[in-house]
Amino acid sequence: MNELNRNYLNDLKNDHKMVIKLLDDIKGSTQTKDIQGITSFMEQLKNGLLAHLKKEDDKIYADLLNVAKERNIELVTITINTFSTAMKGIAARVLKFFDKYPNKDEIARHAAEFYKDFQEVYEDLHKRVDREEKVLYPMYEKYCC
């Protein structure tokens, strides 16, 4: 793997660390009922996730699909299509969550529901990060550039 792609993959992994930290920060703030903290971390999480998704869409999926096509590796194509489809579903649920709770007033007004909805987002994103780091990123290391 060339240095540019190694740096790209490291950048994605660092994004994951940031996402997990922010999820944990939000979870901690929910336990102390720190609505202002939750709001601040939510904004950071939303911006970080959108940037991360763009980085993935711009390169990792395209690179792997190109390799799969060039080398006729059906497993890579299936894996990328599965990951891409699953991510669209997760992204839609997470963006709906952010739209539902756009500010501290909405979070405070619907606190009990927010905590339940957040737990689902927390679990979705933790599972996704784990799957990407165990399957997608090693596949990229093995086949790309």
N, C-alpha and C. Protein backbone atom coordinates (compact mmCIF):
# COMPACT_ATOMS: atom_id res chain seq x y z
N MET A 1 0.86 -1.18 0.00
CA MET A 1 0.00 0.00 0.00
C MET A 1 0.90 1.24 0.00
N ASN A 2 0.57 2.18 -0.87
CA ASN A 2 1.39 3.38 -0.93
C ASN A 2 1.11 4.30 0.27
N GLU A 3 1.99 5.25 0.45
CA GLU A 3 1.93 6.14 1.62
C GLU A 3 0.64 6.97 1.63
N LEU A 4 0.22 7.44 0.48
CA LEU A 4 -1.00 8.24 0.40
C LEU A 4 -2.21 7.45 0.90
N ASN A 5 -2.33 6.22 0.47
CA ASN A 5 -3.47 5.40 0.89
C ASN A 5 -3.34 4.96 2.34
N ARG A 6 -2.14 4.73 2.80
CA ARG A 6 -1.92 4.41 4.21
C ARG A 6 -2.36 5.58 5.09
N ASN A 7 -1.98 6.79 4.68
CA ASN A 7 -2.39 7.99 5.43
C ASN A 7 -3.92 8.17 5.39
N TYR A 8 -4.51 7.89 4.24
CA TYR A 8 -5.96 7.98 4.10
C TYR A 8 -6.64 7.02 5.07
N LEU A 9 -6.18 5.79 5.11
CA LEU A 9 -6.77 4.80 6.00
C LEU A 9 -6.56 5.17 7.46
N ASN A 10 -5.40 5.67 7.80
CA ASN A 10 -5.14 6.14 9.17
C ASN A 10 -6.07 7.30 9.53
N ASP A 11 -6.32 8.16 8.56
CA ASP A 11 -7.24 9.29 8.79
C ASP A 11 -8.65 8.77 9.09
N LEU A 12 -9.10 7.77 8.34
CA LEU A 12 -10.41 7.18 8.60
C LEU A 12 -10.46 6.55 9.99
N LYS A 13 -9.40 5.86 10.37
CA LYS A 13 -9.36 5.24 11.69
C LYS A 13 -9.37 6.31 12.80
N ASN A 14 -8.68 7.41 12.57
CA ASN A 14 -8.72 8.51 13.54
C ASN A 14 -10.11 9.11 13.64
N ASP A 15 -10.80 9.19 12.51
CA ASP A 15 -12.20 9.65 12.54
C ASP A 15 -13.03 8.73 13.43
N HIS A 16 -12.80 7.44 13.31
CA HIS A 16 -13.54 6.49 14.14
C HIS A 16 -13.28 6.74 15.62
N LYS A 17 -12.06 6.99 15.96
CA LYS A 17 -11.74 7.28 17.37
C LYS A 17 -12.50 8.52 17.85
N MET A 18 -12.56 9.53 16.99
CA MET A 18 -13.29 10.75 17.32
C MET A 18 -14.78 10.46 17.49
N VAL A 19 -15.36 9.67 16.59
CA VAL A 19 -16.78 9.33 16.67
C VAL A 19 -17.07 8.59 17.97
N ILE A 20 -16.27 7.60 18.29
CA ILE A 20 -16.47 6.82 19.52
C ILE A 20 -16.33 7.71 20.75
N LYS A 21 -15.35 8.59 20.74
CA LYS A 21 -15.16 9.49 21.88
C LYS A 21 -16.38 10.40 22.05
N LEU A 22 -16.86 10.96 20.95
CA LEU A 22 -18.03 11.84 21.04
C LEU A 22 -19.28 11.08 21.48
N LEU A 23 -19.45 9.87 20.99
CA LEU A 23 -20.58 9.06 21.45
C LEU A 23 -20.49 8.83 22.96
N ASP A 24 -19.30 8.51 23.42
CA ASP A 24 -19.11 8.30 24.86
C ASP A 24 -19.30 9.59 25.65
N ASP A 25 -18.86 10.72 25.07
CA ASP A 25 -19.07 12.02 25.73
C ASP A 25 -20.56 12.34 25.84
N ILE A 26 -21.30 12.06 24.78
CA ILE A 26 -22.75 12.29 24.82
C ILE A 26 -23.38 11.38 25.86
N LYS A 27 -22.99 10.13 25.85
CA LYS A 27 -23.55 9.17 26.82
C LYS A 27 -23.27 9.64 28.25
N GLY A 28 -22.04 10.09 28.51
CA GLY A 28 -21.71 10.62 29.83
C GLY A 28 -22.55 11.83 30.18
N SER A 29 -22.77 12.70 29.21
CA SER A 29 -23.58 13.90 29.44
C SER A 29 -25.04 13.56 29.67
N THR A 30 -25.52 12.47 29.06
CA THR A 30 -26.91 12.07 29.32
C THR A 30 -27.06 11.57 30.76
N GLN A 31 -26.01 10.95 31.26
CA GLN A 31 -26.08 10.43 32.63
C GLN A 31 -26.09 11.55 33.67
N THR A 32 -25.44 12.67 33.33
CA THR A 32 -25.43 13.81 34.24
C THR A 32 -26.50 14.84 33.87
N LYS A 33 -27.26 14.54 32.80
CA LYS A 33 -28.33 15.43 32.30
C LYS A 33 -27.80 16.81 31.91
N ASP A 34 -26.59 16.82 31.36
CA ASP A 34 -25.94 18.05 30.90
C ASP A 34 -26.39 18.34 29.47
N ILE A 35 -27.52 19.00 29.33
CA ILE A 35 -28.12 19.27 28.01
C ILE A 35 -27.19 20.12 27.15
N GLN A 36 -26.54 21.09 27.73
CA GLN A 36 -25.63 21.93 26.95
C GLN A 36 -24.45 21.10 26.42
N GLY A 37 -23.93 20.23 27.25
CA GLY A 37 -22.84 19.35 26.81
C GLY A 37 -23.30 18.42 25.70
N ILE A 38 -24.49 17.84 25.88
CA ILE A 38 -25.04 16.97 24.85
C ILE A 38 -25.14 17.72 23.52
N THR A 39 -25.68 18.92 23.58
CA THR A 39 -25.87 19.72 22.36
C THR A 39 -24.54 20.00 21.67
N SER A 40 -23.53 20.36 22.43
CA SER A 40 -22.22 20.65 21.87
C SER A 40 -21.61 19.40 21.23
N PHE A 41 -21.67 18.29 21.94
CA PHE A 41 -21.11 17.05 21.40
C PHE A 41 -21.88 16.56 20.19
N MET A 42 -23.20 16.79 20.20
CA MET A 42 -24.02 16.37 19.05
C MET A 42 -23.61 17.12 17.79
N GLU A 43 -23.38 18.40 17.92
CA GLU A 43 -22.97 19.19 16.75
C GLU A 43 -21.62 18.70 16.22
N GLN A 44 -20.70 18.43 17.11
CA GLN A 44 -19.39 17.92 16.71
C GLN A 44 -19.52 16.55 16.04
N LEU A 45 -20.37 15.70 16.63
CA LEU A 45 -20.57 14.37 16.07
C LEU A 45 -21.18 14.45 14.67
N LYS A 46 -22.19 15.27 14.51
CA LYS A 46 -22.83 15.40 13.20
C LYS A 46 -21.83 15.87 12.15
N ASN A 47 -21.08 16.90 12.46
CA ASN A 47 -20.09 17.42 11.50
C ASN A 47 -19.01 16.38 11.21
N GLY A 48 -18.55 15.70 12.24
CA GLY A 48 -17.51 14.69 12.06
C GLY A 48 -18.00 13.51 11.24
N LEU A 49 -19.21 13.07 11.50
CA LEU A 49 -19.76 11.94 10.73
C LEU A 49 -19.96 12.30 9.27
N LEU A 50 -20.49 13.47 9.01
CA LEU A 50 -20.70 13.88 7.61
C LEU A 50 -19.38 13.96 6.85
N ALA A 51 -18.36 14.50 7.49
CA ALA A 51 -17.04 14.59 6.86
C ALA A 51 -16.47 13.19 6.62
N HIS A 52 -16.63 12.31 7.60
CA HIS A 52 -16.12 10.95 7.48
C HIS A 52 -16.83 10.19 6.34
N LEU A 53 -18.14 10.32 6.27
CA LEU A 53 -18.89 9.64 5.21
C LEU A 53 -18.45 10.12 3.83
N LYS A 54 -18.21 11.40 3.71
CA LYS A 54 -17.74 11.94 2.43
C LYS A 54 -16.38 11.36 2.06
N LYS A 55 -15.48 11.27 3.06
CA LYS A 55 -14.16 10.68 2.79
C LYS A 55 -14.29 9.24 2.31
N GLU A 56 -15.18 8.48 2.95
CA GLU A 56 -15.37 7.09 2.52
C GLU A 56 -15.98 7.03 1.13
N ASP A 57 -17.02 7.82 0.90
CA ASP A 57 -17.68 7.79 -0.39
C ASP A 57 -16.75 8.20 -1.52
N ASP A 58 -15.89 9.17 -1.26
CA ASP A 58 -15.00 9.70 -2.29
C ASP A 58 -13.90 8.73 -2.70
N LYS A 59 -13.51 7.81 -1.79
CA LYS A 59 -12.33 7.01 -2.13
C LYS A 59 -12.45 5.52 -1.84
N ILE A 60 -12.73 5.13 -0.62
CA ILE A 60 -12.58 3.71 -0.26
C ILE A 60 -13.49 2.81 -1.09
N TYR A 61 -14.76 3.19 -1.22
CA TYR A 61 -15.68 2.35 -1.98
C TYR A 61 -15.28 2.34 -3.46
N ALA A 62 -14.95 3.50 -4.00
CA ALA A 62 -14.57 3.58 -5.42
C ALA A 62 -13.31 2.78 -5.70
N ASP A 63 -12.30 2.92 -4.84
CA ASP A 63 -11.05 2.18 -5.04
C ASP A 63 -11.29 0.67 -5.00
N LEU A 64 -12.05 0.22 -4.02
CA LEU A 64 -12.30 -1.22 -3.90
C LEU A 64 -13.15 -1.74 -5.06
N LEU A 65 -14.13 -0.98 -5.48
CA LEU A 65 -14.93 -1.43 -6.63
C LEU A 65 -14.10 -1.49 -7.91
N ASN A 66 -13.19 -0.54 -8.07
CA ASN A 66 -12.30 -0.57 -9.24
C ASN A 66 -11.41 -1.80 -9.22
N VAL A 67 -10.84 -2.11 -8.07
CA VAL A 67 -10.00 -3.29 -7.94
C VAL A 67 -10.82 -4.56 -8.23
N ALA A 68 -12.01 -4.60 -7.67
CA ALA A 68 -12.87 -5.77 -7.87
C ALA A 68 -13.18 -5.98 -9.36
N LYS A 69 -13.43 -4.88 -10.04
CA LYS A 69 -13.75 -4.96 -11.47
C LYS A 69 -12.51 -5.38 -12.27
N GLU A 70 -11.37 -4.75 -11.99
CA GLU A 70 -10.14 -5.05 -12.72
C GLU A 70 -9.69 -6.50 -12.53
N ARG A 71 -9.83 -7.00 -11.31
CA ARG A 71 -9.35 -8.35 -10.99
C ARG A 71 -10.46 -9.39 -10.95
N ASN A 72 -11.67 -8.95 -11.22
CA ASN A 72 -12.83 -9.84 -11.20
C ASN A 72 -12.94 -10.57 -9.85
N ILE A 73 -12.97 -9.79 -8.78
CA ILE A 73 -13.07 -10.35 -7.43
C ILE A 73 -14.49 -10.09 -6.92
N GLU A 74 -15.34 -11.08 -7.08
CA GLU A 74 -16.75 -10.94 -6.74
C GLU A 74 -16.96 -10.68 -5.25
N LEU A 75 -16.15 -11.31 -4.40
CA LEU A 75 -16.29 -11.12 -2.95
C LEU A 75 -16.14 -9.64 -2.57
N VAL A 76 -15.21 -8.95 -3.17
CA VAL A 76 -15.00 -7.53 -2.88
C VAL A 76 -16.22 -6.73 -3.32
N THR A 77 -16.72 -7.00 -4.51
CA THR A 77 -17.91 -6.29 -5.00
C THR A 77 -19.09 -6.50 -4.07
N ILE A 78 -19.34 -7.73 -3.68
CA ILE A 78 -20.46 -8.03 -2.78
C ILE A 78 -20.28 -7.33 -1.44
N THR A 79 -19.07 -7.39 -0.91
CA THR A 79 -18.79 -6.76 0.38
C THR A 79 -19.02 -5.26 0.32
N ILE A 80 -18.51 -4.61 -0.72
CA ILE A 80 -18.66 -3.16 -0.84
C ILE A 80 -20.13 -2.79 -1.02
N ASN A 81 -20.84 -3.52 -1.83
CA ASN A 81 -22.27 -3.23 -2.02
C ASN A 81 -23.03 -3.41 -0.71
N THR A 82 -22.69 -4.43 0.06
CA THR A 82 -23.33 -4.67 1.35
C THR A 82 -23.02 -3.53 2.32
N PHE A 83 -21.76 -3.16 2.41
CA PHE A 83 -21.36 -2.06 3.30
C PHE A 83 -22.02 -0.75 2.89
N SER A 84 -22.04 -0.47 1.61
CA SER A 84 -22.61 0.77 1.12
C SER A 84 -24.11 0.85 1.41
N THR A 85 -24.81 -0.23 1.15
CA THR A 85 -26.25 -0.26 1.41
C THR A 85 -26.54 -0.12 2.91
N ALA A 86 -25.79 -0.84 3.72
CA ALA A 86 -25.99 -0.76 5.17
C ALA A 86 -25.69 0.65 5.68
N MET A 87 -24.65 1.28 5.14
CA MET A 87 -24.30 2.62 5.60
C MET A 87 -25.37 3.62 5.23
N LYS A 88 -25.99 3.45 4.09
CA LYS A 88 -27.08 4.37 3.71
C LYS A 88 -28.21 4.29 4.72
N GLY A 89 -28.53 3.09 5.17
CA GLY A 89 -29.57 2.93 6.18
C GLY A 89 -29.19 3.55 7.51
N ILE A 90 -27.96 3.30 7.94
CA ILE A 90 -27.48 3.88 9.20
C ILE A 90 -27.45 5.39 9.10
N ALA A 91 -26.91 5.90 8.01
CA ALA A 91 -26.82 7.36 7.83
C ALA A 91 -28.21 7.99 7.86
N ALA A 92 -29.18 7.36 7.23
CA ALA A 92 -30.54 7.91 7.23
C ALA A 92 -31.11 7.96 8.64
N ARG A 93 -30.91 6.89 9.42
CA ARG A 93 -31.40 6.87 10.80
C ARG A 93 -30.70 7.91 11.66
N VAL A 94 -29.39 8.04 11.49
CA VAL A 94 -28.63 8.99 12.30
C VAL A 94 -29.00 10.43 11.93
N LEU A 95 -29.13 10.71 10.65
CA LEU A 95 -29.53 12.06 10.24
C LEU A 95 -30.94 12.40 10.71
N LYS A 96 -31.84 11.41 10.70
CA LYS A 96 -33.19 11.62 11.23
C LYS A 96 -33.11 11.96 12.72
N PHE A 97 -32.22 11.28 13.43
CA PHE A 97 -32.01 11.56 14.85
C PHE A 97 -31.54 13.00 15.04
N PHE A 98 -30.54 13.43 14.26
CA PHE A 98 -30.05 14.80 14.38
C PHE A 98 -31.15 15.82 14.04
N ASP A 99 -31.97 15.51 13.04
CA ASP A 99 -33.07 16.41 12.68
C ASP A 99 -34.14 16.47 13.78
N LYS A 100 -34.36 15.36 14.43
CA LYS A 100 -35.36 15.29 15.49
C LYS A 100 -34.94 16.09 16.72
N TYR A 101 -33.62 16.16 16.95
CA TYR A 101 -33.08 16.86 18.13
C TYR A 101 -32.06 17.91 17.69
N PRO A 102 -32.53 18.98 17.03
CA PRO A 102 -31.61 19.95 16.44
C PRO A 102 -30.98 20.93 17.43
N ASN A 103 -31.54 21.02 18.65
CA ASN A 103 -31.02 22.01 19.60
C ASN A 103 -31.33 21.56 21.02
N LYS A 104 -30.78 22.33 21.96
CA LYS A 104 -30.93 21.93 23.37
C LYS A 104 -32.37 21.97 23.84
N ASP A 105 -33.19 22.86 23.27
CA ASP A 105 -34.59 22.93 23.68
C ASP A 105 -35.33 21.65 23.32
N GLU A 106 -35.11 21.14 22.12
CA GLU A 106 -35.77 19.90 21.70
C GLU A 106 -35.24 18.70 22.50
N ILE A 107 -33.97 18.70 22.79
CA ILE A 107 -33.40 17.61 23.59
C ILE A 107 -34.02 17.64 24.99
N ALA A 108 -34.08 18.81 25.59
CA ALA A 108 -34.64 18.93 26.95
C ALA A 108 -36.13 18.62 26.96
N ARG A 109 -36.84 19.07 25.93
CA ARG A 109 -38.29 18.88 25.87
C ARG A 109 -38.66 17.40 25.75
N HIS A 110 -37.81 16.64 25.10
CA HIS A 110 -38.09 15.22 24.86
C HIS A 110 -36.96 14.34 25.42
N ALA A 111 -36.52 14.67 26.62
CA ALA A 111 -35.33 14.03 27.20
C ALA A 111 -35.43 12.51 27.26
N ALA A 112 -36.51 11.98 27.77
CA ALA A 112 -36.62 10.52 27.90
C ALA A 112 -36.56 9.84 26.53
N GLU A 113 -37.25 10.40 25.56
CA GLU A 113 -37.23 9.84 24.21
C GLU A 113 -35.84 10.01 23.57
N PHE A 114 -35.22 11.16 23.83
CA PHE A 114 -33.87 11.40 23.32
C PHE A 114 -32.92 10.31 23.81
N TYR A 115 -32.95 10.00 25.10
CA TYR A 115 -32.03 9.02 25.66
C TYR A 115 -32.23 7.65 25.01
N LYS A 116 -33.48 7.28 24.76
CA LYS A 116 -33.77 6.01 24.09
C LYS A 116 -33.26 6.04 22.65
N ASP A 117 -33.58 7.10 21.93
CA ASP A 117 -33.13 7.22 20.54
C ASP A 117 -31.60 7.26 20.45
N PHE A 118 -30.98 7.97 21.38
CA PHE A 118 -29.52 8.06 21.37
C PHE A 118 -28.90 6.68 21.57
N GLN A 119 -29.45 5.87 22.44
CA GLN A 119 -28.91 4.54 22.68
C GLN A 119 -28.88 3.72 21.39
N GLU A 120 -29.92 3.86 20.57
CA GLU A 120 -29.96 3.16 19.29
C GLU A 120 -28.86 3.66 18.35
N VAL A 121 -28.68 4.99 18.28
CA VAL A 121 -27.63 5.57 17.46
C VAL A 121 -26.26 5.12 17.97
N TYR A 122 -26.10 5.14 19.27
CA TYR A 122 -24.85 4.72 19.91
C TYR A 122 -24.49 3.29 19.49
N GLU A 123 -25.45 2.39 19.59
CA GLU A 123 -25.21 1.00 19.23
C GLU A 123 -24.96 0.83 17.73
N ASP A 124 -25.76 1.51 16.90
CA ASP A 124 -25.56 1.44 15.44
C ASP A 124 -24.15 1.87 15.05
N LEU A 125 -23.72 3.00 15.58
CA LEU A 125 -22.41 3.53 15.18
C LEU A 125 -21.26 2.71 15.74
N HIS A 126 -21.40 2.23 16.95
CA HIS A 126 -20.35 1.36 17.51
C HIS A 126 -20.20 0.09 16.67
N LYS A 127 -21.32 -0.53 16.31
CA LYS A 127 -21.27 -1.75 15.49
C LYS A 127 -20.67 -1.46 14.12
N ARG A 128 -21.05 -0.33 13.54
CA ARG A 128 -20.55 0.00 12.21
C ARG A 128 -19.04 0.24 12.23
N VAL A 129 -18.57 0.99 13.20
CA VAL A 129 -17.13 1.24 13.32
C VAL A 129 -16.40 -0.09 13.46
N ASP A 130 -16.91 -0.96 14.30
CA ASP A 130 -16.28 -2.27 14.51
C ASP A 130 -16.22 -3.06 13.21
N ARG A 131 -17.32 -3.12 12.46
CA ARG A 131 -17.35 -3.86 11.20
C ARG A 131 -16.40 -3.27 10.17
N GLU A 132 -16.35 -1.94 10.08
CA GLU A 132 -15.44 -1.33 9.12
C GLU A 132 -13.99 -1.66 9.46
N GLU A 133 -13.65 -1.61 10.73
CA GLU A 133 -12.26 -1.85 11.11
C GLU A 133 -11.88 -3.32 11.04
N LYS A 134 -12.84 -4.21 11.14
CA LYS A 134 -12.55 -5.64 11.06
C LYS A 134 -12.65 -6.21 9.66
N VAL A 135 -13.46 -5.58 8.79
CA VAL A 135 -13.69 -6.14 7.45
C VAL A 135 -13.26 -5.18 6.35
N LEU A 136 -13.85 -3.99 6.33
CA LEU A 136 -13.65 -3.07 5.22
C LEU A 136 -12.21 -2.56 5.12
N TYR A 137 -11.67 -2.08 6.22
CA TYR A 137 -10.33 -1.51 6.17
C TYR A 137 -9.25 -2.56 5.89
N PRO A 138 -9.34 -3.76 6.48
CA PRO A 138 -8.37 -4.78 6.09
C PRO A 138 -8.48 -5.18 4.61
N MET A 139 -9.70 -5.16 4.09
CA MET A 139 -9.88 -5.45 2.67
C MET A 139 -9.19 -4.38 1.83
N TYR A 140 -9.33 -3.14 2.25
CA TYR A 140 -8.66 -2.03 1.54
C TYR A 140 -7.14 -2.21 1.61
N GLU A 141 -6.65 -2.55 2.79
CA GLU A 141 -5.19 -2.77 2.93
C GLU A 141 -4.71 -3.91 2.03
N LYS A 142 -5.50 -4.94 1.91
CA LYS A 142 -5.10 -6.12 1.13
C LYS A 142 -5.12 -5.86 -0.38
N TYR A 143 -6.13 -5.17 -0.86
CA TYR A 143 -6.34 -5.07 -2.30
C TYR A 143 -5.97 -3.74 -2.94
N CYS A 144 -5.88 -2.69 -2.17
CA CYS A 144 -5.73 -1.38 -2.81
C CYS A 144 -4.33 -0.79 -2.72
N CYS A 145 -3.91 -0.35 -3.83
CA CYS A 145 -2.82 0.59 -4.07
C CYS A 145 -1.55 0.31 -3.30
